[in-house]
Amino acid sequence: MKILIVDDEPLVRKSLGRACRAKGHEVTEAVDGKDGFEKWLEIKPDLVFLDVLMPEMSGPEVLQNLREKKGPPAKVILMSAYSGEHNIATAQQMGADLFIPKPFEDVFQVVARADQLYSSGKTDA
């Protein structure tokens, strides 16, 4: 599976990337929303880990711009440290399939949920 990780926190990108690669996935990382938007159009990922608050373009702005440009579809996992403002319902309203609060307790469990979301095709994982 091709995975795009869009997060301005290097530690999040590195830990998620390492865990995804350990499961055999092809991983591309983006440092902010603008970089993520461009890489999404370029590599056409199967699944995207997308942070909510980032410089240049927020996660919800990335999703809105992709909808407007009819960008390549992908399963989207929205992530945020501000989980009080976001949950699965608001994530789905923004066009995401799943919401995961940060920080992660177990990055391998996060990747397992991503694998399950992708393989099941369900949006209510």
C-alpha atoms as a PDB file:
ATOM      1  CA  MET A   1       0.000   0.000   0.000  1.00  0.00           C
ATOM      2  CA  LYS A   2       1.231   3.514  -0.802  1.00  0.00           C
ATOM      3  CA  ILE A   3       0.989   5.723   2.291  1.00  0.00           C
ATOM      4  CA  LEU A   4       1.431   9.482   2.559  1.00  0.00           C
ATOM      5  CA  ILE A   5       2.161  10.952   5.997  1.00  0.00           C
ATOM      6  CA  VAL A   6       1.423  14.682   6.206  1.00  0.00           C
ATOM      7  CA  ASP A   7       2.492  16.190   9.525  1.00  0.00           C
ATOM      8  CA  ASP A   8       4.662  19.141  10.537  1.00  0.00           C
ATOM      9  CA  GLU A   9       6.063  17.218  13.529  1.00  0.00           C
ATOM     10  CA  PRO A  10       9.199  15.276  12.480  1.00  0.00           C
ATOM     11  CA  LEU A  11       8.810  12.755  15.309  1.00  0.00           C
ATOM     12  CA  VAL A  12       5.277  11.843  14.196  1.00  0.00           C
ATOM     13  CA  ARG A  13       6.408  11.427  10.578  1.00  0.00           C
ATOM     14  CA  LYS A  14       9.425   9.329  11.560  1.00  0.00           C
ATOM     15  CA  SER A  15       7.608   7.029  13.986  1.00  0.00           C
ATOM     16  CA  LEU A  16       4.619   6.468  11.696  1.00  0.00           C
ATOM     17  CA  GLY A  17       6.898   6.050   8.691  1.00  0.00           C
ATOM     18  CA  ARG A  18       9.080   3.505  10.453  1.00  0.00           C
ATOM     19  CA  ALA A  19       6.050   1.502  11.625  1.00  0.00           C
ATOM     20  CA  CYS A  20       4.461   1.576   8.146  1.00  0.00           C
ATOM     21  CA  ARG A  21       7.691   0.505   6.433  1.00  0.00           C
ATOM     22  CA  ALA A  22       8.039  -2.347   8.950  1.00  0.00           C
ATOM     23  CA  LYS A  23       4.695  -3.646   7.628  1.00  0.00           C
ATOM     24  CA  GLY A  24       5.998  -3.473   4.049  1.00  0.00           C
ATOM     25  CA  HIS A  25       4.262  -0.266   2.963  1.00  0.00           C
ATOM     26  CA  GLU A  26       5.722   2.316   0.589  1.00  0.00           C
ATOM     27  CA  VAL A  27       5.869   5.597   2.528  1.00  0.00           C
ATOM     28  CA  THR A  28       6.173   9.224   1.431  1.00  0.00           C
ATOM     29  CA  GLU A  29       6.388  12.027   3.976  1.00  0.00           C
ATOM     30  CA  ALA A  30       5.267  15.652   3.663  1.00  0.00           C
ATOM     31  CA  VAL A  31       6.309  18.439   6.052  1.00  0.00           C
ATOM     32  CA  ASP A  32       3.184  20.630   5.836  1.00  0.00           C
ATOM     33  CA  GLY A  33      -0.214  20.884   4.169  1.00  0.00           C
ATOM     34  CA  LYS A  34       1.022  22.465   0.940  1.00  0.00           C
ATOM     35  CA  ASP A  35       3.745  19.823   0.538  1.00  0.00           C
ATOM     36  CA  GLY A  36       1.190  17.123   1.370  1.00  0.00           C
ATOM     37  CA  PHE A  37      -1.304  18.410  -1.199  1.00  0.00           C
ATOM     38  CA  GLU A  38       1.356  18.428  -3.939  1.00  0.00           C
ATOM     39  CA  LYS A  39       2.647  14.953  -3.043  1.00  0.00           C
ATOM     40  CA  TRP A  40      -0.925  13.579  -2.877  1.00  0.00           C
ATOM     41  CA  LEU A  41      -1.515  14.694  -6.463  1.00  0.00           C
ATOM     42  CA  GLU A  42       1.882  13.349  -7.547  1.00  0.00           C
ATOM     43  CA  ILE A  43       2.029   9.886  -5.939  1.00  0.00           C
ATOM     44  CA  LYS A  44      -1.705   9.065  -5.703  1.00  0.00           C
ATOM     45  CA  PRO A  45      -1.507   7.292  -2.310  1.00  0.00           C
ATOM     46  CA  ASP A  46      -3.857   4.561  -1.148  1.00  0.00           C
ATOM     47  CA  LEU A  47      -3.987   5.959   2.389  1.00  0.00           C
ATOM     48  CA  VAL A  48      -3.092   9.319   3.936  1.00  0.00           C
ATOM     49  CA  PHE A  49      -2.289  10.195   7.542  1.00  0.00           C
ATOM     50  CA  LEU A  50      -3.236  13.886   7.691  1.00  0.00           C
ATOM     51  CA  ASP A  51      -2.584  16.244  10.598  1.00  0.00           C
ATOM     52  CA  VAL A  52      -5.254  18.885  11.267  1.00  0.00           C
ATOM     53  CA  LEU A  53      -3.137  21.891  12.262  1.00  0.00           C
ATOM     54  CA  MET A  54      -0.127  22.597  10.036  1.00  0.00           C
ATOM     55  CA  PRO A  55       1.604  25.565   8.437  1.00  0.00           C
ATOM     56  CA  GLU A  56       0.850  26.590   4.841  1.00  0.00           C
ATOM     57  CA  MET A  57      -2.401  24.593   4.624  1.00  0.00           C
ATOM     58  CA  SER A  58      -4.375  22.766   7.328  1.00  0.00           C
ATOM     59  CA  GLY A  59      -5.554  19.176   6.964  1.00  0.00           C
ATOM     60  CA  PRO A  60      -9.173  20.242   6.309  1.00  0.00           C
ATOM     61  CA  GLU A  61      -7.923  22.733   3.671  1.00  0.00           C
ATOM     62  CA  VAL A  62      -5.957  19.954   1.961  1.00  0.00           C
ATOM     63  CA  LEU A  63      -9.123  17.826   1.819  1.00  0.00           C
ATOM     64  CA  GLN A  64     -11.210  20.741   0.501  1.00  0.00           C
ATOM     65  CA  ASN A  65      -8.657  21.553  -2.216  1.00  0.00           C
ATOM     66  CA  LEU A  66      -8.506  17.907  -3.290  1.00  0.00           C
ATOM     67  CA  ARG A  67     -12.297  17.760  -3.572  1.00  0.00           C
ATOM     68  CA  GLU A  68     -12.329  20.939  -5.662  1.00  0.00           C
ATOM     69  CA  LYS A  69      -9.610  19.624  -7.992  1.00  0.00           C
ATOM     70  CA  LYS A  70     -11.126  16.130  -8.026  1.00  0.00           C
ATOM     71  CA  GLY A  71      -7.822  14.749  -6.792  1.00  0.00           C
ATOM     72  CA  PRO A  72      -7.013  11.051  -6.523  1.00  0.00           C
ATOM     73  CA  PRO A  73      -9.125   9.241  -3.912  1.00  0.00           C
ATOM     74  CA  ALA A  74      -7.514   7.724  -0.830  1.00  0.00           C
ATOM     75  CA  LYS A  75      -8.519   6.565   2.606  1.00  0.00           C
ATOM     76  CA  VAL A  76      -7.808   9.428   5.016  1.00  0.00           C
ATOM     77  CA  ILE A  77      -6.903   9.235   8.695  1.00  0.00           C
ATOM     78  CA  LEU A  78      -7.162  12.675  10.277  1.00  0.00           C
ATOM     79  CA  MET A  79      -4.897  13.216  13.300  1.00  0.00           C
ATOM     80  CA  SER A  80      -4.866  15.956  15.904  1.00  0.00           C
ATOM     81  CA  ALA A  81      -3.599  16.669  19.392  1.00  0.00           C
ATOM     82  CA  TYR A  82      -6.753  18.777  19.848  1.00  0.00           C
ATOM     83  CA  SER A  83      -9.162  15.875  20.090  1.00  0.00           C
ATOM     84  CA  GLY A  84     -11.743  17.942  21.948  1.00  0.00           C
ATOM     85  CA  GLU A  85     -12.539  19.772  18.719  1.00  0.00           C
ATOM     86  CA  HIS A  86     -12.385  16.729  16.478  1.00  0.00           C
ATOM     87  CA  ASN A  87     -13.832  13.246  16.482  1.00  0.00           C
ATOM     88  CA  ILE A  88     -14.902  10.688  13.894  1.00  0.00           C
ATOM     89  CA  ALA A  89     -18.094  12.613  13.058  1.00  0.00           C
ATOM     90  CA  THR A  90     -16.310  15.900  12.366  1.00  0.00           C
ATOM     91  CA  ALA A  91     -13.520  14.033  10.558  1.00  0.00           C
ATOM     92  CA  GLN A  92     -16.076  12.401   8.258  1.00  0.00           C
ATOM     93  CA  GLN A  93     -17.727  15.766   7.615  1.00  0.00           C
ATOM     94  CA  MET A  94     -14.317  16.998   6.443  1.00  0.00           C
ATOM     95  CA  GLY A  95     -13.932  14.012   4.133  1.00  0.00           C
ATOM     96  CA  ALA A  96     -11.796  11.742   6.326  1.00  0.00           C
ATOM     97  CA  ASP A  97     -12.508   8.095   7.102  1.00  0.00           C
ATOM     98  CA  LEU A  98     -11.074   7.906  10.610  1.00  0.00           C
ATOM     99  CA  PHE A  99      -9.900  10.222  13.391  1.00  0.00           C
ATOM    100  CA  ILE A 100      -6.986   9.343  15.662  1.00  0.00           C
ATOM    101  CA  PRO A 101      -5.975  11.621  18.558  1.00  0.00           C
ATOM    102  CA  LYS A 102      -2.314  12.432  19.173  1.00  0.00           C
ATOM    103  CA  PRO A 103      -0.067  11.605  20.882  1.00  0.00           C
ATOM    104  CA  PHE A 104      -0.268   7.918  20.005  1.00  0.00           C
ATOM    105  CA  GLU A 105       0.065   5.390  22.782  1.00  0.00           C
ATOM    106  CA  ASP A 106       1.144   2.671  20.338  1.00  0.00           C
ATOM    107  CA  VAL A 107       2.184   3.640  16.802  1.00  0.00           C
ATOM    108  CA  PHE A 108       1.966   0.000  15.674  1.00  0.00           C
ATOM    109  CA  GLN A 109      -1.679  -0.097  16.775  1.00  0.00           C
ATOM    110  CA  VAL A 110      -2.298   3.049  14.687  1.00  0.00           C
ATOM    111  CA  VAL A 111      -0.780   1.330  11.641  1.00  0.00           C
ATOM    112  CA  ALA A 112      -2.862  -1.789  12.323  1.00  0.00           C
ATOM    113  CA  ARG A 113      -6.012   0.384  12.333  1.00  0.00           C
ATOM    114  CA  ALA A 114      -4.878   1.936   9.041  1.00  0.00           C
ATOM    115  CA  ASP A 115      -4.357  -1.524   7.523  1.00  0.00           C
ATOM    116  CA  GLN A 116      -7.800  -2.583   8.745  1.00  0.00           C
ATOM    117  CA  LEU A 117      -9.433   0.564   7.349  1.00  0.00           C
ATOM    118  CA  TYR A 118      -7.805   0.094   3.960  1.00  0.00           C
ATOM    119  CA  SER A 119      -8.462  -3.631   3.669  1.00  0.00           C
ATOM    120  CA  SER A 120     -12.055  -3.464   4.914  1.00  0.00           C
ATOM    121  CA  GLY A 121     -13.072  -0.541   2.732  1.00  0.00           C
ATOM    122  CA  LYS A 122     -15.319   0.643   5.565  1.00  0.00           C
ATOM    123  CA  THR A 123     -15.431   4.262   6.687  1.00  0.00           C
ATOM    124  CA  ASP A 124     -16.601   3.518  10.225  1.00  0.00           C
ATOM    125  CA  ALA A 125     -13.508   1.673  11.470  1.00  0.00           C
END
